[in-house]
PDB file of all heavy atoms in Angstrom:
ATOM      1  N   SER A   1      22.765 -10.899  -5.707  1.00  0.00           N
ATOM      2  CA  SER A   1      22.358 -10.718  -4.315  1.00  0.00           C
ATOM      3  C   SER A   1      22.339 -12.007  -3.499  1.00  0.00           C
ATOM      4  O   SER A   1      22.192 -11.955  -2.279  1.00  0.00           O
ATOM      5  CB  SER A   1      20.953 -10.111  -4.266  1.00  0.00           C
ATOM      6  OG  SER A   1      20.005 -11.020  -4.804  1.00  0.00           O
ATOM      7  N   ALA A   2      22.446 -13.164  -4.182  1.00  0.00           N
ATOM      8  CA  ALA A   2      22.312 -14.480  -3.523  1.00  0.00           C
ATOM      9  C   ALA A   2      20.898 -14.716  -3.006  1.00  0.00           C
ATOM     10  O   ALA A   2      20.675 -15.639  -2.226  1.00  0.00           O
ATOM     11  CB  ALA A   2      23.330 -14.638  -2.396  1.00  0.00           C
ATOM     12  N   LEU A   3      19.949 -13.901  -3.429  1.00  0.00           N
ATOM     13  CA  LEU A   3      18.544 -14.103  -3.098  1.00  0.00           C
ATOM     14  C   LEU A   3      17.860 -14.852  -4.230  1.00  0.00           C
ATOM     15  O   LEU A   3      18.359 -14.904  -5.351  1.00  0.00           O
ATOM     16  CB  LEU A   3      17.844 -12.761  -2.871  1.00  0.00           C
ATOM     17  CG  LEU A   3      18.317 -11.937  -1.668  1.00  0.00           C
ATOM     18  CD1 LEU A   3      17.767 -10.518  -1.772  1.00  0.00           C
ATOM     19  CD2 LEU A   3      17.882 -12.573  -0.369  1.00  0.00           C
ATOM     20  N   GLU A   4      16.699 -15.408  -3.937  1.00  0.00           N
ATOM     21  CA  GLU A   4      15.906 -16.053  -4.972  1.00  0.00           C
ATOM     22  C   GLU A   4      14.751 -15.147  -5.389  1.00  0.00           C
ATOM     23  O   GLU A   4      14.269 -14.324  -4.603  1.00  0.00           O
ATOM     24  CB  GLU A   4      15.357 -17.394  -4.468  1.00  0.00           C
ATOM     25  CG  GLU A   4      16.430 -18.443  -4.267  1.00  0.00           C
ATOM     26  CD  GLU A   4      15.849 -19.803  -3.924  1.00  0.00           C
ATOM     27  OE1 GLU A   4      14.662 -19.865  -3.513  1.00  0.00           O
ATOM     28  OE2 GLU A   4      16.568 -20.808  -4.064  1.00  0.00           O
ATOM     29  N   LEU A   5      14.320 -15.326  -6.620  1.00  0.00           N
ATOM     30  CA  LEU A   5      13.140 -14.643  -7.146  1.00  0.00           C
ATOM     31  C   LEU A   5      12.114 -15.713  -7.474  1.00  0.00           C
ATOM     32  O   LEU A   5      12.361 -16.596  -8.307  1.00  0.00           O
ATOM     33  CB  LEU A   5      13.488 -13.844  -8.408  1.00  0.00           C
ATOM     34  CG  LEU A   5      12.307 -13.198  -9.143  1.00  0.00           C
ATOM     35  CD1 LEU A   5      11.706 -12.072  -8.298  1.00  0.00           C
ATOM     36  CD2 LEU A   5      12.735 -12.678 -10.514  1.00  0.00           C
ATOM     37  N   ASP A   6      10.962 -15.661  -6.816  1.00  0.00           N
ATOM     38  CA  ASP A   6       9.875 -16.598  -7.086  1.00  0.00           C
ATOM     39  C   ASP A   6       8.850 -15.910  -7.984  1.00  0.00           C
ATOM     40  O   ASP A   6       8.175 -14.958  -7.576  1.00  0.00           O
ATOM     41  CB  ASP A   6       9.207 -17.061  -5.790  1.00  0.00           C
ATOM     42  CG  ASP A   6      10.062 -18.046  -5.020  1.00  0.00           C
ATOM     43  OD1 ASP A   6      10.903 -18.705  -5.647  1.00  0.00           O
ATOM     44  OD2 ASP A   6       9.896 -18.142  -3.793  1.00  0.00           O
ATOM     45  N   LEU A   7       8.753 -16.413  -9.204  1.00  0.00           N
ATOM     46  CA  LEU A   7       7.844 -15.855 -10.211  1.00  0.00           C
ATOM     47  C   LEU A   7       6.548 -16.671 -10.156  1.00  0.00           C
ATOM     48  O   LEU A   7       6.473 -17.766 -10.704  1.00  0.00           O
ATOM     49  CB  LEU A   7       8.484 -15.943 -11.591  1.00  0.00           C
ATOM     50  CG  LEU A   7       7.713 -15.333 -12.749  1.00  0.00           C
ATOM     51  CD1 LEU A   7       7.904 -13.822 -12.771  1.00  0.00           C
ATOM     52  CD2 LEU A   7       8.182 -15.935 -14.075  1.00  0.00           C
ATOM     53  N   HIS A   8       5.544 -16.143  -9.482  1.00  0.00           N
ATOM     54  CA  HIS A   8       4.274 -16.861  -9.311  1.00  0.00           C
ATOM     55  C   HIS A   8       3.323 -16.564 -10.461  1.00  0.00           C
ATOM     56  O   HIS A   8       3.266 -15.443 -10.976  1.00  0.00           O
ATOM     57  CB  HIS A   8       3.596 -16.447  -8.005  1.00  0.00           C
ATOM     58  CG  HIS A   8       4.333 -16.845  -6.781  1.00  0.00           C
ATOM     59  ND1 HIS A   8       4.111 -18.035  -6.122  1.00  0.00           N
ATOM     60  CD2 HIS A   8       5.318 -16.208  -6.072  1.00  0.00           C
ATOM     61  CE1 HIS A   8       4.901 -18.121  -5.070  1.00  0.00           C
ATOM     62  NE2 HIS A   8       5.648 -17.027  -5.011  1.00  0.00           N
ATOM     63  N   VAL A   9       2.552 -17.582 -10.842  1.00  0.00           N
ATOM     64  CA  VAL A   9       1.443 -17.388 -11.768  1.00  0.00           C
ATOM     65  C   VAL A   9       0.127 -17.763 -11.105  1.00  0.00           C
ATOM     66  O   VAL A   9      -0.950 -17.564 -11.689  1.00  0.00           O
ATOM     67  CB  VAL A   9       1.636 -18.190 -13.068  1.00  0.00           C
ATOM     68  CG1 VAL A   9       2.840 -17.669 -13.834  1.00  0.00           C
ATOM     69  CG2 VAL A   9       1.769 -19.681 -12.794  1.00  0.00           C
ATOM     70  N   ALA A  10       0.181 -18.332  -9.911  1.00  0.00           N
ATOM     71  CA  ALA A  10      -1.002 -18.668  -9.127  1.00  0.00           C
ATOM     72  C   ALA A  10      -0.647 -18.508  -7.655  1.00  0.00           C
ATOM     73  O   ALA A  10       0.499 -18.724  -7.263  1.00  0.00           O
ATOM     74  CB  ALA A  10      -1.448 -20.101  -9.414  1.00  0.00           C
ATOM     75  N   LEU A  11      -1.651 -18.161  -6.841  1.00  0.00           N
ATOM     76  CA  LEU A  11      -1.398 -17.915  -5.423  1.00  0.00           C
ATOM     77  C   LEU A  11      -2.017 -18.975  -4.523  1.00  0.00           C
ATOM     78  O   LEU A  11      -1.984 -18.834  -3.296  1.00  0.00           O
ATOM     79  CB  LEU A  11      -1.914 -16.526  -5.030  1.00  0.00           C
ATOM     80  CG  LEU A  11      -1.219 -15.363  -5.747  1.00  0.00           C
ATOM     81  CD1 LEU A  11      -1.733 -14.039  -5.226  1.00  0.00           C
ATOM     82  CD2 LEU A  11       0.299 -15.457  -5.582  1.00  0.00           C
ATOM     83  N   SER A  12      -2.592 -20.012  -5.105  1.00  0.00           N
ATOM     84  CA  SER A  12      -3.075 -21.139  -4.306  1.00  0.00           C
ATOM     85  C   SER A  12      -3.058 -22.378  -5.171  1.00  0.00           C
ATOM     86  O   SER A  12      -3.121 -22.306  -6.400  1.00  0.00           O
ATOM     87  CB  SER A  12      -4.485 -20.889  -3.767  1.00  0.00           C
ATOM     88  OG  SER A  12      -5.416 -20.775  -4.810  1.00  0.00           O
ATOM     89  N   ASP A  13      -2.937 -23.525  -4.522  1.00  0.00           N
ATOM     90  CA  ASP A  13      -2.944 -24.786  -5.255  1.00  0.00           C
ATOM     91  C   ASP A  13      -4.337 -25.079  -5.786  1.00  0.00           C
ATOM     92  O   ASP A  13      -5.347 -24.642  -5.224  1.00  0.00           O
ATOM     93  CB  ASP A  13      -2.504 -25.928  -4.330  1.00  0.00           C
ATOM     94  CG  ASP A  13      -1.073 -25.747  -3.852  1.00  0.00           C
ATOM     95  OD1 ASP A  13      -0.293 -25.116  -4.578  1.00  0.00           O
ATOM     96  OD2 ASP A  13      -0.759 -26.223  -2.746  1.00  0.00           O
ATOM     97  N   PRO A  14      -4.431 -25.835  -6.886  1.00  0.00           N
ATOM     98  CA  PRO A  14      -5.754 -26.154  -7.456  1.00  0.00           C
ATOM     99  C   PRO A  14      -6.651 -26.825  -6.420  1.00  0.00           C
ATOM    100  O   PRO A  14      -6.243 -27.748  -5.723  1.00  0.00           O
ATOM    101  CB  PRO A  14      -5.406 -27.126  -8.597  1.00  0.00           C
ATOM    102  CG  PRO A  14      -3.979 -26.840  -8.930  1.00  0.00           C
ATOM    103  CD  PRO A  14      -3.332 -26.440  -7.644  1.00  0.00           C
ATOM    104  N   GLY A  15      -7.873 -26.332  -6.299  1.00  0.00           N
ATOM    105  CA  GLY A  15      -8.837 -26.922  -5.400  1.00  0.00           C
ATOM    106  C   GLY A  15      -8.722 -26.496  -3.955  1.00  0.00           C
ATOM    107  O   GLY A  15      -9.569 -26.853  -3.126  1.00  0.00           O
ATOM    108  N   LEU A  16      -7.680 -25.729  -3.600  1.00  0.00           N
ATOM    109  CA  LEU A  16      -7.503 -25.321  -2.210  1.00  0.00           C
ATOM    110  C   LEU A  16      -8.286 -24.057  -1.904  1.00  0.00           C
ATOM    111  O   LEU A  16      -9.182 -24.044  -1.060  1.00  0.00           O
ATOM    112  CB  LEU A  16      -6.018 -25.131  -1.914  1.00  0.00           C
ATOM    113  CG  LEU A  16      -5.645 -24.822  -0.465  1.00  0.00           C
ATOM    114  CD1 LEU A  16      -6.132 -25.925   0.468  1.00  0.00           C
ATOM    115  CD2 LEU A  16      -4.131 -24.639  -0.327  1.00  0.00           C
ATOM    116  N   PHE A  17      -7.940 -22.955  -2.592  1.00  0.00           N
ATOM    117  CA  PHE A  17      -8.670 -21.701  -2.474  1.00  0.00           C
ATOM    118  C   PHE A  17      -9.072 -21.258  -3.876  1.00  0.00           C
ATOM    119  O   PHE A  17      -8.796 -21.947  -4.853  1.00  0.00           O
ATOM    120  CB  PHE A  17      -7.825 -20.635  -1.770  1.00  0.00           C
ATOM    121  CG  PHE A  17      -7.296 -21.061  -0.433  1.00  0.00           C
ATOM    122  CD1 PHE A  17      -5.932 -21.062  -0.172  1.00  0.00           C
ATOM    123  CD2 PHE A  17      -8.158 -21.458   0.572  1.00  0.00           C
ATOM    124  CE1 PHE A  17      -5.436 -21.454   1.065  1.00  0.00           C
ATOM    125  CE2 PHE A  17      -7.678 -21.863   1.817  1.00  0.00           C
ATOM    126  CZ  PHE A  17      -6.325 -21.861   2.061  1.00  0.00           C
ATOM    127  N   HIS A  18      -9.694 -20.099  -3.971  1.00  0.00           N
ATOM    128  CA  HIS A  18     -10.158 -19.612  -5.271  1.00  0.00           C
ATOM    129  C   HIS A  18      -9.712 -18.165  -5.493  1.00  0.00           C
ATOM    130  O   HIS A  18     -10.513 -17.313  -5.868  1.00  0.00           O
ATOM    131  CB  HIS A  18     -11.691 -19.715  -5.363  1.00  0.00           C
ATOM    132  CG  HIS A  18     -12.233 -21.053  -4.961  1.00  0.00           C
ATOM    133  ND1 HIS A  18     -11.991 -22.191  -5.677  1.00  0.00           N
ATOM    134  CD2 HIS A  18     -12.982 -21.421  -3.895  1.00  0.00           C
ATOM    135  CE1 HIS A  18     -12.587 -23.216  -5.087  1.00  0.00           C
ATOM    136  NE2 HIS A  18     -13.184 -22.779  -3.989  1.00  0.00           N
ATOM    137  N   ILE A  19      -8.451 -17.899  -5.240  1.00  0.00           N
ATOM    138  CA  ILE A  19      -7.937 -16.545  -5.427  1.00  0.00           C
ATOM    139  C   ILE A  19      -7.948 -16.216  -6.912  1.00  0.00           C
ATOM    140  O   ILE A  19      -7.406 -16.950  -7.737  1.00  0.00           O
ATOM    141  CB  ILE A  19      -6.526 -16.409  -4.843  1.00  0.00           C
ATOM    142  CG1 ILE A  19      -6.555 -16.666  -3.335  1.00  0.00           C
ATOM    143  CG2 ILE A  19      -5.949 -15.028  -5.138  1.00  0.00           C
ATOM    144  CD1 ILE A  19      -5.202 -16.616  -2.663  1.00  0.00           C
ATOM    145  N   ASP A  20      -8.567 -15.110  -7.248  1.00  0.00           N
ATOM    146  CA  ASP A  20      -8.725 -14.683  -8.638  1.00  0.00           C
ATOM    147  C   ASP A  20      -7.548 -13.776  -9.010  1.00  0.00           C
ATOM    148  O   ASP A  20      -7.580 -12.562  -8.758  1.00  0.00           O
ATOM    149  CB  ASP A  20     -10.064 -13.962  -8.804  1.00  0.00           C
ATOM    150  CG  ASP A  20     -10.357 -13.574 -10.240  1.00  0.00           C
ATOM    151  OD1 ASP A  20      -9.444 -13.642 -11.082  1.00  0.00           O
ATOM    152  OD2 ASP A  20     -11.512 -13.197 -10.519  1.00  0.00           O
ATOM    153  N   GLU A  21      -6.515 -14.358  -9.602  1.00  0.00           N
ATOM    154  CA  GLU A  21      -5.323 -13.570  -9.934  1.00  0.00           C
ATOM    155  C   GLU A  21      -5.616 -12.481 -10.949  1.00  0.00           C
ATOM    156  O   GLU A  21      -5.040 -11.386 -10.872  1.00  0.00           O
ATOM    157  CB  GLU A  21      -4.208 -14.488 -10.459  1.00  0.00           C
ATOM    158  CG  GLU A  21      -3.560 -15.367  -9.393  1.00  0.00           C
ATOM    159  CD  GLU A  21      -4.327 -16.661  -9.117  1.00  0.00           C
ATOM    160  OE1 GLU A  21      -5.252 -16.968  -9.919  1.00  0.00           O
ATOM    161  OE2 GLU A  21      -4.014 -17.352  -8.134  1.00  0.00           O
ATOM    162  N   ASP A  22      -6.518 -12.730 -11.901  1.00  0.00           N
ATOM    163  CA  ASP A  22      -6.862 -11.687 -12.883  1.00  0.00           C
ATOM    164  C   ASP A  22      -7.458 -10.475 -12.181  1.00  0.00           C
ATOM    165  O   ASP A  22      -7.153  -9.321 -12.536  1.00  0.00           O
ATOM    166  CB  ASP A  22      -7.839 -12.234 -13.917  1.00  0.00           C
ATOM    167  CG  ASP A  22      -7.209 -13.263 -14.845  1.00  0.00           C
ATOM    168  OD1 ASP A  22      -5.967 -13.253 -14.982  1.00  0.00           O
ATOM    169  OD2 ASP A  22      -7.951 -14.065 -15.442  1.00  0.00           O
ATOM    170  N   ALA A  23      -8.306 -10.711 -11.192  1.00  0.00           N
ATOM    171  CA  ALA A  23      -8.916  -9.604 -10.449  1.00  0.00           C
ATOM    172  C   ALA A  23      -7.860  -8.832  -9.665  1.00  0.00           C
ATOM    173  O   ALA A  23      -7.957  -7.608  -9.511  1.00  0.00           O
ATOM    174  CB  ALA A  23      -9.996 -10.126  -9.511  1.00  0.00           C
ATOM    175  N   LEU A  24      -6.836  -9.534  -9.171  1.00  0.00           N
ATOM    176  CA  LEU A  24      -5.761  -8.843  -8.458  1.00  0.00           C
ATOM    177  C   LEU A  24      -5.071  -7.834  -9.364  1.00  0.00           C
ATOM    178  O   LEU A  24      -4.761  -6.712  -8.946  1.00  0.00           O
ATOM    179  CB  LEU A  24      -4.738  -9.848  -7.923  1.00  0.00           C
ATOM    180  CG  LEU A  24      -4.907 -10.302  -6.471  1.00  0.00           C
ATOM    181  CD1 LEU A  24      -6.222 -11.021  -6.253  1.00  0.00           C
ATOM    182  CD2 LEU A  24      -3.749 -11.197  -6.047  1.00  0.00           C
ATOM    183  N   PHE A  25      -4.832  -8.221 -10.609  1.00  0.00           N
ATOM    184  CA  PHE A  25      -4.200  -7.284 -11.543  1.00  0.00           C
ATOM    185  C   PHE A  25      -5.132  -6.112 -11.857  1.00  0.00           C
ATOM    186  O   PHE A  25      -4.675  -4.971 -11.977  1.00  0.00           O
ATOM    187  CB  PHE A  25      -3.800  -8.011 -12.824  1.00  0.00           C
ATOM    188  CG  PHE A  25      -2.499  -8.755 -12.714  1.00  0.00           C
ATOM    189  CD1 PHE A  25      -2.484 -10.119 -12.488  1.00  0.00           C
ATOM    190  CD2 PHE A  25      -1.292  -8.080 -12.801  1.00  0.00           C
ATOM    191  CE1 PHE A  25      -1.283 -10.806 -12.364  1.00  0.00           C
ATOM    192  CE2 PHE A  25      -0.086  -8.754 -12.669  1.00  0.00           C
ATOM    193  CZ  PHE A  25      -0.083 -10.128 -12.454  1.00  0.00           C
ATOM    194  N   GLU A  26      -6.417  -6.372 -11.965  1.00  0.00           N
ATOM    195  CA  GLU A  26      -7.373  -5.295 -12.277  1.00  0.00           C
ATOM    196  C   GLU A  26      -7.436  -4.264 -11.153  1.00  0.00           C
ATOM    197  O   GLU A  26      -7.610  -3.073 -11.402  1.00  0.00           O
ATOM    198  CB  GLU A  26      -8.763  -5.896 -12.510  1.00  0.00           C
ATOM    199  CG  GLU A  26      -8.870  -6.725 -13.784  1.00  0.00           C
ATOM    200  CD  GLU A  26     -10.198  -7.463 -13.887  1.00  0.00           C
ATOM    201  OE1 GLU A  26     -11.065  -7.246 -12.997  1.00  0.00           O
ATOM    202  OE2 GLU A  26     -10.363  -8.241 -14.836  1.00  0.00           O
ATOM    203  N   ARG A  27      -7.295  -4.718  -9.910  1.00  0.00           N
ATOM    204  CA  ARG A  27      -7.403  -3.815  -8.758  1.00  0.00           C
ATOM    205  C   ARG A  27      -6.047  -3.319  -8.265  1.00  0.00           C
ATOM    206  O   ARG A  27      -5.976  -2.577  -7.280  1.00  0.00           O
ATOM    207  CB  ARG A  27      -8.127  -4.531  -7.605  1.00  0.00           C
ATOM    208  CG  ARG A  27      -9.594  -4.807  -7.854  1.00  0.00           C
ATOM    209  CD  ARG A  27     -10.278  -5.294  -6.588  1.00  0.00           C
ATOM    210  NE  ARG A  27      -9.869  -6.646  -6.213  1.00  0.00           N
ATOM    211  CZ  ARG A  27     -10.558  -7.751  -6.497  1.00  0.00           C
ATOM    212  NH1 ARG A  27     -11.687  -7.675  -7.170  1.00  0.00           N
ATOM    213  NH2 ARG A  27     -10.123  -8.943  -6.087  1.00  0.00           N
ATOM    214  N   ALA A  28      -4.963  -3.726  -8.888  1.00  0.00           N
ATOM    215  CA  ALA A  28      -3.621  -3.411  -8.396  1.00  0.00           C
ATOM    216  C   ALA A  28      -3.383  -1.905  -8.310  1.00  0.00           C
ATOM    217  O   ALA A  28      -3.985  -1.115  -9.042  1.00  0.00           O
ATOM    218  CB  ALA A  28      -2.581  -4.042  -9.303  1.00  0.00           C
ATOM    219  N   GLU A  29      -2.482  -1.525  -7.397  1.00  0.00           N
ATOM    220  CA  GLU A  29      -2.203  -0.126  -7.140  1.00  0.00           C
ATOM    221  C   GLU A  29      -0.701   0.137  -7.142  1.00  0.00           C
ATOM    222  O   GLU A  29       0.080  -0.758  -6.834  1.00  0.00           O
ATOM    223  CB  GLU A  29      -2.766   0.264  -5.756  1.00  0.00           C
ATOM    224  CG  GLU A  29      -4.263   0.029  -5.612  1.00  0.00           C
ATOM    225  CD  GLU A  29      -4.739   0.252  -4.183  1.00  0.00           C
ATOM    226  OE1 GLU A  29      -3.884   0.217  -3.259  1.00  0.00           O
ATOM    227  OE2 GLU A  29      -5.943   0.452  -4.004  1.00  0.00           O
ATOM    228  N   PRO A  30      -0.289   1.356  -7.467  1.00  0.00           N
ATOM    229  CA  PRO A  30       1.134   1.707  -7.304  1.00  0.00           C
ATOM    230  C   PRO A  30       1.450   1.847  -5.822  1.00  0.00           C
ATOM    231  O   PRO A  30       0.559   2.045  -4.991  1.00  0.00           O
ATOM    232  CB  PRO A  30       1.237   3.059  -8.024  1.00  0.00           C
ATOM    233  CG  PRO A  30      -0.145   3.635  -7.939  1.00  0.00           C
ATOM    234  CD  PRO A  30      -1.082   2.469  -7.997  1.00  0.00           C
ATOM    235  N   PHE A  31       2.713   1.746  -5.493  1.00  0.00           N
ATOM    236  CA  PHE A  31       3.159   1.881  -4.095  1.00  0.00           C
ATOM    237  C   PHE A  31       4.491   2.605  -4.118  1.00  0.00           C
ATOM    238  O   PHE A  31       5.500   2.054  -4.563  1.00  0.00           O
ATOM    239  CB  PHE A  31       3.273   0.498  -3.458  1.00  0.00           C
ATOM    240  CG  PHE A  31       3.659   0.511  -2.004  1.00  0.00           C
ATOM    241  CD1 PHE A  31       3.303   1.550  -1.162  1.00  0.00           C
ATOM    242  CD2 PHE A  31       4.377  -0.554  -1.460  1.00  0.00           C
ATOM    243  CE1 PHE A  31       3.660   1.556   0.181  1.00  0.00           C
ATOM    244  CE2 PHE A  31       4.734  -0.563  -0.117  1.00  0.00           C
ATOM    245  CZ  PHE A  31       4.363   0.482   0.701  1.00  0.00           C
ATOM    246  N   ASP A  32       4.503   3.843  -3.623  1.00  0.00           N
ATOM    247  CA  ASP A  32       5.674   4.691  -3.814  1.00  0.00           C
ATOM    248  C   ASP A  32       6.890   4.246  -2.993  1.00  0.00           C
ATOM    249  O   ASP A  32       7.990   4.771  -3.187  1.00  0.00           O
ATOM    250  CB  ASP A  32       5.341   6.148  -3.504  1.00  0.00           C
ATOM    251  CG  ASP A  32       4.838   6.366  -2.073  1.00  0.00           C
ATOM    252  OD1 ASP A  32       4.850   5.404  -1.275  1.00  0.00           O
ATOM    253  OD2 ASP A  32       4.434   7.501  -1.758  1.00  0.00           O
ATOM    254  N   ALA A  33       6.733   3.277  -2.096  1.00  0.00           N
ATOM    255  CA  ALA A  33       7.873   2.789  -1.325  1.00  0.00           C
ATOM    256  C   ALA A  33       8.655   1.713  -2.061  1.00  0.00           C
ATOM    257  O   ALA A  33       9.712   1.286  -1.589  1.00  0.00           O
ATOM    258  CB  ALA A  33       7.399   2.237   0.021  1.00  0.00           C
ATOM    259  N   LEU A  34       8.153   1.300  -3.223  1.00  0.00           N
ATOM    260  CA  LEU A  34       8.824   0.283  -4.021  1.00  0.00           C
ATOM    261  C   LEU A  34       9.291   0.882  -5.344  1.00  0.00           C
ATOM    262  O   LEU A  34       8.851   1.979  -5.728  1.00  0.00           O
ATOM    263  CB  LEU A  34       7.888  -0.901  -4.268  1.00  0.00           C
ATOM    264  CG  LEU A  34       7.522  -1.733  -3.031  1.00  0.00           C
ATOM    265  CD1 LEU A  34       6.622  -2.895  -3.436  1.00  0.00           C
ATOM    266  CD2 LEU A  34       8.757  -2.244  -2.312  1.00  0.00           C
ATOM    267  N   PRO A  35      10.153   0.167  -6.069  1.00  0.00           N
ATOM    268  CA  PRO A  35      10.697   0.706  -7.314  1.00  0.00           C
ATOM    269  C   PRO A  35       9.618   0.938  -8.379  1.00  0.00           C
ATOM    270  O   PRO A  35       8.525   0.347  -8.309  1.00  0.00           O
ATOM    271  CB  PRO A  35      11.675  -0.389  -7.781  1.00  0.00           C
ATOM    272  CG  PRO A  35      11.978  -1.182  -6.564  1.00  0.00           C
ATOM    273  CD  PRO A  35      10.744  -1.142  -5.723  1.00  0.00           C
ATOM    274  N   PRO A  36       9.896   1.790  -9.360  1.00  0.00           N
ATOM    275  CA  PRO A  36       8.969   1.995 -10.470  1.00  0.00           C
ATOM    276  C   PRO A  36       8.653   0.668 -11.160  1.00  0.00           C
ATOM    277  O   PRO A  36       9.469  -0.246 -11.168  1.00  0.00           O
ATOM    278  CB  PRO A  36       9.734   2.939 -11.405  1.00  0.00           C
ATOM    279  CG  PRO A  36      10.725   3.630 -10.534  1.00  0.00           C
ATOM    280  CD  PRO A  36      11.106   2.639  -9.479  1.00  0.00           C
TER     281      PRO A  36
END
């Protein structure tokens, strides 16, 4: 596709914010407009 895929393991730099990525996975939801 000539597009890039950014595989993130964190959503903020250390010390900047405190986004809890583990909690994001716990609360994640399906979305029928995207692929399985």
